[in-house]
Amino acid sequence: MNRPNPLGRWLNRRNLFSTEFLGILLFVFSAGFPPFDDATEVDLTLHMLQHVLIIFSGVMIAYPHLGRNLMNSRRGGLLPVLALFVSALILVFWHLPGPWDAAVLNPGVHFLEHFSFLAVGLLSGSWILLLSDSGKIGALMGVFFGHMGYAVVLIAPTGAQVYSLYPLSNQITLGWVLLLTGPSIIIGVAYVIARNPSWLGGFSSSKAGPVGKRITFVNRAKIPRWVVPTFSLVLVVALVGYFGYTAYALGTAAPVHAGGPVVYISETPISWQYSPQQINVVLAVNATVTWVSRSISFDTVTARGGEFGSPAIPPGGTYSYTFTAPGTFDYYCQYHPWMTGTVTVLP
């Protein structure tokens, strides 16, 4: 008698290449793929792209089962409106200068920011779908005007620097990117309305229309079957390849034989810091400091006064600098500003 194969049943259901699985992969990649996440810390446009990808991942996780079931149940009431209100509050809050800077400077706030945008995606792929037809149009138009208004603030002729941790030129670049991509939103809204003219007749309705009896653009849209498996495979290869490389680099790193102090760049679930953070050296005695990466991500050693600065240090990599003048030198990691250290050079 053949015993049932749980793995076979799971694969037969196509869970491996399901939309939910791709959504989970996209979230892990967007929020936890070190090269991409590191780059978002120094580039506002990539940081914004990260937010969008995380929201998309939440939609892909929630819609296939929860969203469809809710739409088929034709539920309504205040929950869809509340979900939209909460999502709008989250979006506005995390794009204010204070919370944005806090997410860059504090790893705990950084993770909270990621999961907040995931929550927006989950709500967008479930309860927000139950808005009335006029509510859906209103939400889409709200996204458009919010998108364009935010772009105008970033490129305001007053030259105000909204985000102090980023150069003004970086902020202006993001503003123009948003301004140029904004029309695509209104084009998308117009296209959806054109394919669903009945939405315009739903302004007096307080509940979502009978989705199960109406053929809409969403129901007609067909995604080629190869899209989800292909993107899933690409993300799996990227994640497995990077973390495999990282494990190999850390596992085969040669012992460090330095003539001076060694500072380790360590990264664990509860610590992400230089170790030790403060060291003393003496000129012409042990003034060469070597930083050794034991981190799974890229890091830098950057003096706040510009006296020295490393390139991106990969997992297992090292960087050395010889001090030639006495003084106190503070430094940090450009990708993880909460990582700080001090070298005191004695004569």
C-alpha atoms as a PDB file:
ATOM      1  CA  MET A   1       0.000   0.000   0.000  1.00  0.00           C
ATOM      2  CA  ASN A   2       1.451   3.345  -1.058  1.00  0.00           C
ATOM      3  CA  ARG A   3       1.610   5.955   1.650  1.00  0.00           C
ATOM      4  CA  PRO A   4       0.443   9.458   0.722  1.00  0.00           C
ATOM      5  CA  ASN A   5       3.255  11.905   0.095  1.00  0.00           C
ATOM      6  CA  PRO A   6       2.521  15.202   1.883  1.00  0.00           C
ATOM      7  CA  LEU A   7       5.142  17.022  -0.199  1.00  0.00           C
ATOM      8  CA  GLY A   8       3.585  15.672  -3.393  1.00  0.00           C
ATOM      9  CA  ARG A   9       0.129  16.834  -2.358  1.00  0.00           C
ATOM     10  CA  TRP A  10       1.521  20.268  -1.541  1.00  0.00           C
ATOM     11  CA  LEU A  11       3.205  20.525  -4.930  1.00  0.00           C
ATOM     12  CA  ASN A  12       0.112  19.268  -6.722  1.00  0.00           C
ATOM     13  CA  ARG A  13      -1.829  22.116  -5.246  1.00  0.00           C
ATOM     14  CA  ARG A  14       0.767  24.414  -6.800  1.00  0.00           C
ATOM     15  CA  ASN A  15       1.497  26.047  -3.463  1.00  0.00           C
ATOM     16  CA  LEU A  16       5.163  26.253  -4.415  1.00  0.00           C
ATOM     17  CA  PHE A  17       4.451  28.711  -7.199  1.00  0.00           C
ATOM     18  CA  SER A  18       1.285  30.289  -5.837  1.00  0.00           C
ATOM     19  CA  THR A  19       0.670  34.011  -5.707  1.00  0.00           C
ATOM     20  CA  GLU A  20       0.839  33.876  -1.905  1.00  0.00           C
ATOM     21  CA  PHE A  21       4.240  32.209  -2.049  1.00  0.00           C
ATOM     22  CA  LEU A  22       5.500  34.901  -4.431  1.00  0.00           C
ATOM     23  CA  GLY A  23       4.131  37.543  -2.061  1.00  0.00           C
ATOM     24  CA  ILE A  24       6.055  36.038   0.860  1.00  0.00           C
ATOM     25  CA  LEU A  25       9.223  35.878  -1.243  1.00  0.00           C
ATOM     26  CA  LEU A  26       8.763  39.480  -2.366  1.00  0.00           C
ATOM     27  CA  PHE A  27       8.379  40.641   1.232  1.00  0.00           C
ATOM     28  CA  VAL A  28      11.498  38.753   2.344  1.00  0.00           C
ATOM     29  CA  PHE A  29      13.431  40.183  -0.601  1.00  0.00           C
ATOM     30  CA  SER A  30      12.183  43.762  -0.170  1.00  0.00           C
ATOM     31  CA  ALA A  31      12.649  43.921   3.597  1.00  0.00           C
ATOM     32  CA  GLY A  32      15.434  41.402   4.220  1.00  0.00           C
ATOM     33  CA  PHE A  33      17.693  41.089   1.168  1.00  0.00           C
ATOM     34  CA  PRO A  34      20.798  42.885   2.508  1.00  0.00           C
ATOM     35  CA  PRO A  35      22.162  44.460  -0.717  1.00  0.00           C
ATOM     36  CA  PHE A  36      18.771  45.969  -1.553  1.00  0.00           C
ATOM     37  CA  ASP A  37      17.865  46.948   2.001  1.00  0.00           C
ATOM     38  CA  ASP A  38      21.303  48.529   2.502  1.00  0.00           C
ATOM     39  CA  ALA A  39      20.907  50.572  -0.685  1.00  0.00           C
ATOM     40  CA  THR A  40      17.531  51.908   0.458  1.00  0.00           C
ATOM     41  CA  GLU A  41      19.208  53.466   3.509  1.00  0.00           C
ATOM     42  CA  VAL A  42      21.262  55.832   1.341  1.00  0.00           C
ATOM     43  CA  ASP A  43      18.877  56.414  -1.575  1.00  0.00           C
ATOM     44  CA  LEU A  44      15.417  57.929  -1.114  1.00  0.00           C
ATOM     45  CA  THR A  45      14.072  56.653  -4.433  1.00  0.00           C
ATOM     46  CA  LEU A  46      15.041  53.062  -3.635  1.00  0.00           C
ATOM     47  CA  HIS A  47      13.585  53.503  -0.160  1.00  0.00           C
ATOM     48  CA  MET A  48      10.268  54.527  -1.706  1.00  0.00           C
ATOM     49  CA  LEU A  49      10.438  51.571  -4.117  1.00  0.00           C
ATOM     50  CA  GLN A  50      10.935  49.309  -1.118  1.00  0.00           C
ATOM     51  CA  HIS A  51       7.700  50.609   0.420  1.00  0.00           C
ATOM     52  CA  VAL A  52       5.791  49.939  -2.808  1.00  0.00           C
ATOM     53  CA  LEU A  53       7.169  46.400  -3.149  1.00  0.00           C
ATOM     54  CA  ILE A  54       6.279  45.556   0.454  1.00  0.00           C
ATOM     55  CA  ILE A  55       2.703  46.772  -0.095  1.00  0.00           C
ATOM     56  CA  PHE A  56       2.455  44.689  -3.286  1.00  0.00           C
ATOM     57  CA  SER A  57       3.710  41.652  -1.385  1.00  0.00           C
ATOM     58  CA  GLY A  58       0.924  42.100   1.181  1.00  0.00           C
ATOM     59  CA  VAL A  59      -1.701  42.308  -1.576  1.00  0.00           C
ATOM     60  CA  MET A  60      -0.407  39.094  -3.160  1.00  0.00           C
ATOM     61  CA  ILE A  61      -0.484  37.313   0.199  1.00  0.00           C
ATOM     62  CA  ALA A  62      -3.999  38.438   1.160  1.00  0.00           C
ATOM     63  CA  TYR A  63      -5.992  38.512  -2.071  1.00  0.00           C
ATOM     64  CA  PRO A  64      -5.950  34.895  -3.407  1.00  0.00           C
ATOM     65  CA  HIS A  65      -7.914  33.473  -0.481  1.00  0.00           C
ATOM     66  CA  LEU A  66      -8.969  36.141   1.999  1.00  0.00           C
ATOM     67  CA  GLY A  67      -9.764  38.860  -0.539  1.00  0.00           C
ATOM     68  CA  ARG A  68     -11.690  36.592  -2.897  1.00  0.00           C
ATOM     69  CA  ASN A  69     -13.660  35.012  -0.083  1.00  0.00           C
ATOM     70  CA  LEU A  70     -14.608  38.386   1.336  1.00  0.00           C
ATOM     71  CA  MET A  71     -15.733  39.643  -2.077  1.00  0.00           C
ATOM     72  CA  ASN A  72     -17.814  36.526  -2.669  1.00  0.00           C
ATOM     73  CA  SER A  73     -19.427  36.940   0.750  1.00  0.00           C
ATOM     74  CA  ARG A  74     -20.517  40.475  -0.271  1.00  0.00           C
ATOM     75  CA  ARG A  75     -19.769  41.847   3.160  1.00  0.00           C
ATOM     76  CA  GLY A  76     -19.735  45.571   3.659  1.00  0.00           C
ATOM     77  CA  GLY A  77     -20.384  47.898   6.531  1.00  0.00           C
ATOM     78  CA  LEU A  78     -17.792  50.057   8.245  1.00  0.00           C
ATOM     79  CA  LEU A  79     -14.858  47.621   8.142  1.00  0.00           C
ATOM     80  CA  PRO A  80     -13.765  48.497   4.570  1.00  0.00           C
ATOM     81  CA  VAL A  81     -13.881  52.214   5.389  1.00  0.00           C
ATOM     82  CA  LEU A  82     -11.956  51.621   8.630  1.00  0.00           C
ATOM     83  CA  ALA A  83      -9.361  49.559   6.744  1.00  0.00           C
ATOM     84  CA  LEU A  84      -8.917  52.384   4.224  1.00  0.00           C
ATOM     85  CA  PHE A  85      -8.622  54.960   7.013  1.00  0.00           C
ATOM     86  CA  VAL A  86      -5.998  52.912   8.898  1.00  0.00           C
ATOM     87  CA  SER A  87      -4.014  52.343   5.694  1.00  0.00           C
ATOM     88  CA  ALA A  88      -4.030  56.069   4.901  1.00  0.00           C
ATOM     89  CA  LEU A  89      -2.847  56.906   8.420  1.00  0.00           C
ATOM     90  CA  ILE A  90       0.020  54.401   8.150  1.00  0.00           C
ATOM     91  CA  LEU A  91       1.115  55.777   4.783  1.00  0.00           C
ATOM     92  CA  VAL A  92       1.036  59.394   5.949  1.00  0.00           C
ATOM     93  CA  PHE A  93       2.737  58.645   9.283  1.00  0.00           C
ATOM     94  CA  TRP A  94       5.757  56.808   7.872  1.00  0.00           C
ATOM     95  CA  HIS A  95       6.380  59.494   5.247  1.00  0.00           C
ATOM     96  CA  LEU A  96       6.616  62.291   7.805  1.00  0.00           C
ATOM     97  CA  PRO A  97      10.235  63.389   8.411  1.00  0.00           C
ATOM     98  CA  GLY A  98      10.355  62.278  12.065  1.00  0.00           C
ATOM     99  CA  PRO A  99       9.168  58.666  11.649  1.00  0.00           C
ATOM    100  CA  TRP A 100      11.114  58.299   8.377  1.00  0.00           C
ATOM    101  CA  ASP A 101      14.383  59.382  10.033  1.00  0.00           C
ATOM    102  CA  ALA A 102      13.661  57.215  13.084  1.00  0.00           C
ATOM    103  CA  ALA A 103      13.255  54.166  10.821  1.00  0.00           C
ATOM    104  CA  VAL A 104      16.672  54.882   9.298  1.00  0.00           C
ATOM    105  CA  LEU A 105      18.412  55.405  12.634  1.00  0.00           C
ATOM    106  CA  ASN A 106      16.844  52.655  14.746  1.00  0.00           C
ATOM    107  CA  PRO A 107      16.699  48.980  13.688  1.00  0.00           C
ATOM    108  CA  GLY A 108      13.614  48.289  15.798  1.00  0.00           C
ATOM    109  CA  VAL A 109      11.691  51.152  14.200  1.00  0.00           C
ATOM    110  CA  HIS A 110      13.070  50.004  10.825  1.00  0.00           C
ATOM    111  CA  PHE A 111      11.457  46.581  11.214  1.00  0.00           C
ATOM    112  CA  LEU A 112       8.205  48.124  12.499  1.00  0.00           C
ATOM    113  CA  GLU A 113       8.081  50.310   9.388  1.00  0.00           C
ATOM    114  CA  HIS A 114       8.399  47.255   7.135  1.00  0.00           C
ATOM    115  CA  PHE A 115       5.601  45.367   8.853  1.00  0.00           C
ATOM    116  CA  SER A 116       3.388  48.476   8.827  1.00  0.00           C
ATOM    117  CA  PHE A 117       3.603  48.652   5.031  1.00  0.00           C
ATOM    118  CA  LEU A 118       2.955  44.906   4.884  1.00  0.00           C
ATOM    119  CA  ALA A 119      -0.224  45.548   6.889  1.00  0.00           C
ATOM    120  CA  VAL A 120      -1.287  48.153   4.306  1.00  0.00           C
ATOM    121  CA  GLY A 121      -0.834  45.545   1.580  1.00  0.00           C
ATOM    122  CA  LEU A 122      -2.795  42.931   3.515  1.00  0.00           C
ATOM    123  CA  LEU A 123      -5.665  45.369   4.048  1.00  0.00           C
ATOM    124  CA  SER A 124      -5.554  46.436   0.386  1.00  0.00           C
ATOM    125  CA  GLY A 125      -5.821  42.814  -0.699  1.00  0.00           C
ATOM    126  CA  SER A 126      -8.732  42.046   1.589  1.00  0.00           C
ATOM    127  CA  TRP A 127     -11.109  44.426   3.372  1.00  0.00           C
ATOM    128  CA  ILE A 128     -10.475  47.502   1.220  1.00  0.00           C
ATOM    129  CA  LEU A 129     -11.800  45.520  -1.764  1.00  0.00           C
ATOM    130  CA  LEU A 130     -15.240  45.658  -0.137  1.00  0.00           C
ATOM    131  CA  LEU A 131     -15.544  49.408  -0.575  1.00  0.00           C
ATOM    132  CA  SER A 132     -18.430  50.561  -2.706  1.00  0.00           C
ATOM    133  CA  ASP A 133     -17.679  51.253  -6.360  1.00  0.00           C
ATOM    134  CA  SER A 134     -17.557  54.985  -5.662  1.00  0.00           C
ATOM    135  CA  GLY A 135     -15.349  54.251  -2.657  1.00  0.00           C
ATOM    136  CA  LYS A 136     -12.876  52.381  -4.849  1.00  0.00           C
ATOM    137  CA  ILE A 137     -12.724  55.297  -7.282  1.00  0.00           C
ATOM    138  CA  GLY A 138     -12.298  57.721  -4.401  1.00  0.00           C
ATOM    139  CA  ALA A 139      -9.485  55.655  -2.904  1.00  0.00           C
ATOM    140  CA  LEU A 140      -7.669  55.475  -6.241  1.00  0.00           C
ATOM    141  CA  MET A 141      -8.000  59.215  -6.751  1.00  0.00           C
ATOM    142  CA  GLY A 142      -6.791  59.783  -3.199  1.00  0.00           C
ATOM    143  CA  VAL A 143      -3.666  57.780  -4.021  1.00  0.00           C
ATOM    144  CA  PHE A 144      -3.117  59.906  -7.119  1.00  0.00           C
ATOM    145  CA  PHE A 145      -3.488  63.288  -5.405  1.00  0.00           C
ATOM    146  CA  GLY A 146      -1.424  62.139  -2.431  1.00  0.00           C
ATOM    147  CA  HIS A 147       1.291  60.884  -4.784  1.00  0.00           C
ATOM    148  CA  MET A 148       1.433  64.142  -6.740  1.00  0.00           C
ATOM    149  CA  GLY A 149       1.177  66.365  -3.656  1.00  0.00           C
ATOM    150  CA  TYR A 150       4.063  64.517  -2.022  1.00  0.00           C
ATOM    151  CA  ALA A 151       6.124  64.972  -5.203  1.00  0.00           C
ATOM    152  CA  VAL A 152       5.479  68.731  -5.226  1.00  0.00           C
ATOM    153  CA  VAL A 153       6.568  69.025  -1.573  1.00  0.00           C
ATOM    154  CA  LEU A 154       9.845  67.251  -2.319  1.00  0.00           C
ATOM    155  CA  ILE A 155      10.721  69.527  -5.254  1.00  0.00           C
ATOM    156  CA  ALA A 156       9.291  72.741  -3.780  1.00  0.00           C
ATOM    157  CA  PRO A 157      11.086  75.819  -5.126  1.00  0.00           C
ATOM    158  CA  THR A 158      11.786  76.944  -1.544  1.00  0.00           C
ATOM    159  CA  GLY A 159      14.499  74.275  -1.418  1.00  0.00           C
ATOM    160  CA  ALA A 160      13.345  72.980   1.962  1.00  0.00           C
ATOM    161  CA  GLN A 161      15.076  69.768   2.989  1.00  0.00           C
ATOM    162  CA  VAL A 162      12.340  67.415   4.167  1.00  0.00           C
ATOM    163  CA  TYR A 163      14.572  64.501   5.186  1.00  0.00           C
ATOM    164  CA  SER A 164      17.699  65.651   6.997  1.00  0.00           C
ATOM    165  CA  LEU A 165      19.496  62.317   6.652  1.00  0.00           C
ATOM    166  CA  TYR A 166      19.544  62.492   2.852  1.00  0.00           C
ATOM    167  CA  PRO A 167      21.141  65.065   0.533  1.00  0.00           C
ATOM    168  CA  LEU A 168      18.760  67.615  -0.947  1.00  0.00           C
ATOM    169  CA  SER A 169      19.658  66.400  -4.442  1.00  0.00           C
ATOM    170  CA  ASN A 170      18.499  62.913  -3.459  1.00  0.00           C
ATOM    171  CA  GLN A 171      15.185  64.320  -2.276  1.00  0.00           C
ATOM    172  CA  ILE A 172      14.674  66.283  -5.499  1.00  0.00           C
ATOM    173  CA  THR A 173      15.401  63.167  -7.571  1.00  0.00           C
ATOM    174  CA  LEU A 174      12.676  61.272  -5.716  1.00  0.00           C
ATOM    175  CA  GLY A 175      10.282  64.186  -6.229  1.00  0.00           C
ATOM    176  CA  TRP A 176      10.794  64.151  -9.995  1.00  0.00           C
ATOM    177  CA  VAL A 177      10.469  60.363 -10.142  1.00  0.00           C
ATOM    178  CA  LEU A 178       7.121  60.610  -8.341  1.00  0.00           C
ATOM    179  CA  LEU A 179       6.001  63.513 -10.491  1.00  0.00           C
ATOM    180  CA  LEU A 180       6.799  61.675 -13.728  1.00  0.00           C
ATOM    181  CA  THR A 181       5.216  58.401 -12.620  1.00  0.00           C
ATOM    182  CA  GLY A 182       2.069  60.081 -11.250  1.00  0.00           C
ATOM    183  CA  PRO A 183       0.238  60.244 -14.590  1.00  0.00           C
ATOM    184  CA  SER A 184       0.460  56.459 -14.845  1.00  0.00           C
ATOM    185  CA  ILE A 185      -1.847  56.238 -11.817  1.00  0.00           C
ATOM    186  CA  ILE A 186      -4.535  58.435 -13.357  1.00  0.00           C
ATOM    187  CA  ILE A 187      -4.226  56.537 -16.640  1.00  0.00           C
ATOM    188  CA  GLY A 188      -4.734  53.296 -14.726  1.00  0.00           C
ATOM    189  CA  VAL A 189      -7.770  54.735 -12.923  1.00  0.00           C
ATOM    190  CA  ALA A 190      -9.284  55.897 -16.222  1.00  0.00           C
ATOM    191  CA  TYR A 191      -8.656  52.506 -17.820  1.00  0.00           C
ATOM    192  CA  VAL A 192     -10.264  50.596 -14.949  1.00  0.00           C
ATOM    193  CA  ILE A 193     -13.315  52.893 -15.018  1.00  0.00           C
ATOM    194  CA  ALA A 194     -13.568  52.528 -18.802  1.00  0.00           C
ATOM    195  CA  ARG A 195     -13.598  48.757 -18.442  1.00  0.00           C
ATOM    196  CA  ASN A 196     -16.086  48.974 -15.564  1.00  0.00           C
ATOM    197  CA  PRO A 197     -18.570  51.733 -16.462  1.00  0.00           C
ATOM    198  CA  SER A 198     -21.007  50.375 -13.887  1.00  0.00           C
ATOM    199  CA  TRP A 199     -18.676  51.719 -11.198  1.00  0.00           C
ATOM    200  CA  LEU A 200     -19.764  55.238 -12.104  1.00  0.00           C
ATOM    201  CA  GLY A 201     -23.338  54.261 -11.347  1.00  0.00           C
ATOM    202  CA  GLY A 202     -22.441  53.047  -7.893  1.00  0.00           C
ATOM    203  CA  PHE A 203     -22.113  56.412  -6.159  1.00  0.00           C
ATOM    204  CA  SER A 204     -25.351  55.883  -4.309  1.00  0.00           C
ATOM    205  CA  SER A 205     -24.375  52.425  -3.157  1.00  0.00           C
ATOM    206  CA  SER A 206     -22.958  51.962   0.334  1.00  0.00           C
ATOM    207  CA  LYS A 207     -21.886  48.387  -0.257  1.00  0.00           C
ATOM    208  CA  ALA A 208     -19.727  46.629  -2.776  1.00  0.00           C
ATOM    209  CA  GLY A 209     -21.624  45.504  -5.849  1.00  0.00           C
ATOM    210  CA  PRO A 210     -22.508  41.857  -6.531  1.00  0.00           C
ATOM    211  CA  VAL A 211     -19.025  40.898  -7.659  1.00  0.00           C
ATOM    212  CA  GLY A 212     -19.962  37.304  -8.211  1.00  0.00           C
ATOM    213  CA  LYS A 213     -22.588  38.257 -10.826  1.00  0.00           C
ATOM    214  CA  ARG A 214     -20.681  40.972 -12.618  1.00  0.00           C
ATOM    215  CA  ILE A 215     -17.836  40.595 -15.066  1.00  0.00           C
ATOM    216  CA  THR A 216     -15.257  43.245 -14.226  1.00  0.00           C
ATOM    217  CA  PHE A 217     -11.806  44.119 -15.425  1.00  0.00           C
ATOM    218  CA  VAL A 218     -10.340  42.327 -12.402  1.00  0.00           C
ATOM    219  CA  ASN A 219     -12.206  39.148 -13.294  1.00  0.00           C
ATOM    220  CA  ARG A 220     -11.287  39.347 -16.967  1.00  0.00           C
ATOM    221  CA  ALA A 221      -7.591  40.054 -16.440  1.00  0.00           C
ATOM    222  CA  LYS A 222      -5.449  37.025 -17.164  1.00  0.00           C
ATOM    223  CA  ILE A 223      -1.839  36.735 -16.061  1.00  0.00           C
ATOM    224  CA  PRO A 224       0.291  34.279 -18.067  1.00  0.00           C
ATOM    225  CA  ARG A 225       0.980  31.159 -16.030  1.00  0.00           C
ATOM    226  CA  TRP A 226       4.728  31.518 -16.363  1.00  0.00           C
ATOM    227  CA  VAL A 227       4.846  34.918 -14.610  1.00  0.00           C
ATOM    228  CA  VAL A 228       4.435  33.782 -10.989  1.00  0.00           C
ATOM    229  CA  PRO A 229       6.781  30.737 -11.213  1.00  0.00           C
ATOM    230  CA  THR A 230       9.419  32.780 -13.039  1.00  0.00           C
ATOM    231  CA  PHE A 231       9.467  35.628 -10.541  1.00  0.00           C
ATOM    232  CA  SER A 232       9.363  33.155  -7.641  1.00  0.00           C
ATOM    233  CA  LEU A 233      12.339  31.282  -9.052  1.00  0.00           C
ATOM    234  CA  VAL A 234      14.303  34.513  -9.598  1.00  0.00           C
ATOM    235  CA  LEU A 235      13.737  35.604  -5.999  1.00  0.00           C
ATOM    236  CA  VAL A 236      14.588  32.161  -4.612  1.00  0.00           C
ATOM    237  CA  VAL A 237      17.841  32.104  -6.581  1.00  0.00           C
ATOM    238  CA  ALA A 238      18.740  35.627  -5.422  1.00  0.00           C
ATOM    239  CA  LEU A 239      18.025  34.910  -1.747  1.00  0.00           C
ATOM    240  CA  VAL A 240      19.600  31.452  -1.620  1.00  0.00           C
ATOM    241  CA  GLY A 241      22.562  32.582  -3.702  1.00  0.00           C
ATOM    242  CA  TYR A 242      23.331  35.608  -1.545  1.00  0.00           C
ATOM    243  CA  PHE A 243      22.935  33.916   1.828  1.00  0.00           C
ATOM    244  CA  GLY A 244      24.834  30.882   0.552  1.00  0.00           C
ATOM    245  CA  TYR A 245      27.682  33.150  -0.544  1.00  0.00           C
ATOM    246  CA  THR A 246      27.552  34.936   2.817  1.00  0.00           C
ATOM    247  CA  ALA A 247      27.746  31.679   4.786  1.00  0.00           C
ATOM    248  CA  TYR A 248      30.708  30.570   2.662  1.00  0.00           C
ATOM    249  CA  ALA A 249      32.495  33.930   3.021  1.00  0.00           C
ATOM    250  CA  LEU A 250      32.080  33.994   6.791  1.00  0.00           C
ATOM    251  CA  GLY A 251      32.920  30.328   7.199  1.00  0.00           C
ATOM    252  CA  THR A 252      36.122  30.492   5.161  1.00  0.00           C
ATOM    253  CA  ALA A 253      37.358  33.912   6.341  1.00  0.00           C
ATOM    254  CA  ALA A 254      41.044  33.723   7.209  1.00  0.00           C
ATOM    255  CA  PRO A 255      42.178  34.577  10.749  1.00  0.00           C
ATOM    256  CA  VAL A 256      43.082  38.218  11.192  1.00  0.00           C
ATOM    257  CA  HIS A 257      46.716  38.973  12.008  1.00  0.00           C
ATOM    258  CA  ALA A 258      46.738  42.691  12.598  1.00  0.00           C
ATOM    259  CA  GLY A 259      49.492  44.770  14.110  1.00  0.00           C
ATOM    260  CA  GLY A 260      46.986  46.912  15.973  1.00  0.00           C
ATOM    261  CA  PRO A 261      43.506  46.796  17.443  1.00  0.00           C
ATOM    262  CA  VAL A 262      40.761  44.823  15.682  1.00  0.00           C
ATOM    263  CA  VAL A 263      37.142  45.982  15.637  1.00  0.00           C
ATOM    264  CA  TYR A 264      34.542  43.413  14.599  1.00  0.00           C
ATOM    265  CA  ILE A 265      31.413  44.328  12.673  1.00  0.00           C
ATOM    266  CA  SER A 266      29.007  41.887  14.275  1.00  0.00           C
ATOM    267  CA  GLU A 267      25.400  41.230  13.412  1.00  0.00           C
ATOM    268  CA  THR A 268      23.107  38.992  15.436  1.00  0.00           C
ATOM    269  CA  PRO A 269      19.345  38.968  16.059  1.00  0.00           C
ATOM    270  CA  ILE A 270      19.887  41.092  19.197  1.00  0.00           C
ATOM    271  CA  SER A 271      23.018  43.067  18.321  1.00  0.00           C
ATOM    272  CA  TRP A 272      24.086  45.008  15.240  1.00  0.00           C
ATOM    273  CA  GLN A 273      27.110  47.048  16.123  1.00  0.00           C
ATOM    274  CA  TYR A 274      30.881  47.567  16.050  1.00  0.00           C
ATOM    275  CA  SER A 275      32.626  45.593  18.767  1.00  0.00           C
ATOM    276  CA  PRO A 276      34.228  47.185  20.690  1.00  0.00           C
ATOM    277  CA  GLN A 277      32.654  50.557  20.021  1.00  0.00           C
ATOM    278  CA  GLN A 278      35.381  52.591  21.708  1.00  0.00           C
ATOM    279  CA  ILE A 279      39.116  51.962  21.435  1.00  0.00           C
ATOM    280  CA  ASN A 280      42.321  53.842  22.259  1.00  0.00           C
ATOM    281  CA  VAL A 281      45.455  53.726  20.123  1.00  0.00           C
ATOM    282  CA  VAL A 282      48.883  55.375  20.385  1.00  0.00           C
ATOM    283  CA  LEU A 283      50.647  57.053  17.482  1.00  0.00           C
ATOM    284  CA  ALA A 284      53.611  55.118  16.055  1.00  0.00           C
ATOM    285  CA  VAL A 285      52.804  52.193  18.393  1.00  0.00           C
ATOM    286  CA  ASN A 286      49.488  50.595  17.435  1.00  0.00           C
ATOM    287  CA  ALA A 287      47.823  53.272  15.312  1.00  0.00           C
ATOM    288  CA  THR A 288      46.618  50.897  12.577  1.00  0.00           C
ATOM    289  CA  VAL A 289      43.043  49.776  13.236  1.00  0.00           C
ATOM    290  CA  THR A 290      41.465  46.890  11.306  1.00  0.00           C
ATOM    291  CA  TRP A 291      37.736  46.409  10.999  1.00  0.00           C
ATOM    292  CA  VAL A 292      36.609  42.831  10.299  1.00  0.00           C
ATOM    293  CA  SER A 293      33.119  42.009   9.051  1.00  0.00           C
ATOM    294  CA  ARG A 294      31.192  39.220  10.724  1.00  0.00           C
ATOM    295  CA  SER A 295      27.972  40.622   9.308  1.00  0.00           C
ATOM    296  CA  ILE A 296      25.539  39.129   6.774  1.00  0.00           C
ATOM    297  CA  SER A 297      25.145  42.517   5.084  1.00  0.00           C
ATOM    298  CA  PHE A 298      27.394  45.175   3.607  1.00  0.00           C
ATOM    299  CA  ASP A 299      28.754  47.840   5.962  1.00  0.00           C
ATOM    300  CA  THR A 300      31.050  50.858   5.932  1.00  0.00           C
ATOM    301  CA  VAL A 301      33.435  52.574   8.337  1.00  0.00           C
ATOM    302  CA  THR A 302      32.890  56.293   7.698  1.00  0.00           C
ATOM    303  CA  ALA A 303      34.411  59.089   9.788  1.00  0.00           C
ATOM    304  CA  ARG A 304      31.929  61.830  10.587  1.00  0.00           C
ATOM    305  CA  GLY A 305      34.633  64.434   9.999  1.00  0.00           C
ATOM    306  CA  GLY A 306      35.681  62.929   6.656  1.00  0.00           C
ATOM    307  CA  GLU A 307      39.156  61.853   7.837  1.00  0.00           C
ATOM    308  CA  PHE A 308      38.702  58.295   6.567  1.00  0.00           C
ATOM    309  CA  GLY A 309      36.083  56.146   4.917  1.00  0.00           C
ATOM    310  CA  SER A 310      35.894  52.600   3.681  1.00  0.00           C
ATOM    311  CA  PRO A 311      34.177  51.300   0.575  1.00  0.00           C
ATOM    312  CA  ALA A 312      31.318  48.856   1.108  1.00  0.00           C
ATOM    313  CA  ILE A 313      32.733  46.017   3.225  1.00  0.00           C
ATOM    314  CA  PRO A 314      31.226  42.644   2.187  1.00  0.00           C
ATOM    315  CA  PRO A 315      30.555  39.793   4.624  1.00  0.00           C
ATOM    316  CA  GLY A 316      33.933  38.452   5.755  1.00  0.00           C
ATOM    317  CA  GLY A 317      35.798  41.491   4.400  1.00  0.00           C
ATOM    318  CA  THR A 318      38.234  43.806   6.195  1.00  0.00           C
ATOM    319  CA  TYR A 319      39.272  47.453   6.171  1.00  0.00           C
ATOM    320  CA  SER A 320      42.356  48.998   7.768  1.00  0.00           C
ATOM    321  CA  TYR A 321      43.326  52.593   8.458  1.00  0.00           C
ATOM    322  CA  THR A 322      46.470  54.051  10.019  1.00  0.00           C
ATOM    323  CA  PHE A 323      45.975  57.182  12.098  1.00  0.00           C
ATOM    324  CA  THR A 324      48.638  59.846  11.721  1.00  0.00           C
ATOM    325  CA  ALA A 325      47.408  62.571  14.081  1.00  0.00           C
ATOM    326  CA  PRO A 326      46.113  62.575  17.654  1.00  0.00           C
ATOM    327  CA  GLY A 327      42.473  63.263  18.377  1.00  0.00           C
ATOM    328  CA  THR A 328      39.071  61.669  18.832  1.00  0.00           C
ATOM    329  CA  PHE A 329      37.458  60.277  15.690  1.00  0.00           C
ATOM    330  CA  ASP A 330      33.786  59.292  15.588  1.00  0.00           C
ATOM    331  CA  TYR A 331      32.593  57.032  12.794  1.00  0.00           C
ATOM    332  CA  TYR A 332      29.450  55.226  11.662  1.00  0.00           C
ATOM    333  CA  CYS A 333      28.068  52.873   8.994  1.00  0.00           C
ATOM    334  CA  GLN A 334      26.421  54.638   6.063  1.00  0.00           C
ATOM    335  CA  TYR A 335      24.022  51.730   5.514  1.00  0.00           C
ATOM    336  CA  HIS A 336      23.147  51.306   9.205  1.00  0.00           C
ATOM    337  CA  PRO A 337      23.508  54.703  10.917  1.00  0.00           C
ATOM    338  CA  TRP A 338      22.740  53.233  14.334  1.00  0.00           C
ATOM    339  CA  MET A 339      26.160  51.553  14.159  1.00  0.00           C
ATOM    340  CA  THR A 340      28.640  53.997  15.698  1.00  0.00           C
ATOM    341  CA  GLY A 341      32.163  53.868  17.082  1.00  0.00           C
ATOM    342  CA  THR A 342      34.980  56.047  18.393  1.00  0.00           C
ATOM    343  CA  VAL A 343      38.755  55.838  18.036  1.00  0.00           C
ATOM    344  CA  THR A 344      40.814  57.952  20.462  1.00  0.00           C
ATOM    345  CA  VAL A 345      44.344  58.503  19.170  1.00  0.00           C
ATOM    346  CA  LEU A 346      46.898  59.379  21.850  1.00  0.00           C
ATOM    347  CA  PRO A 347      50.219  61.087  21.102  1.00  0.00           C
END
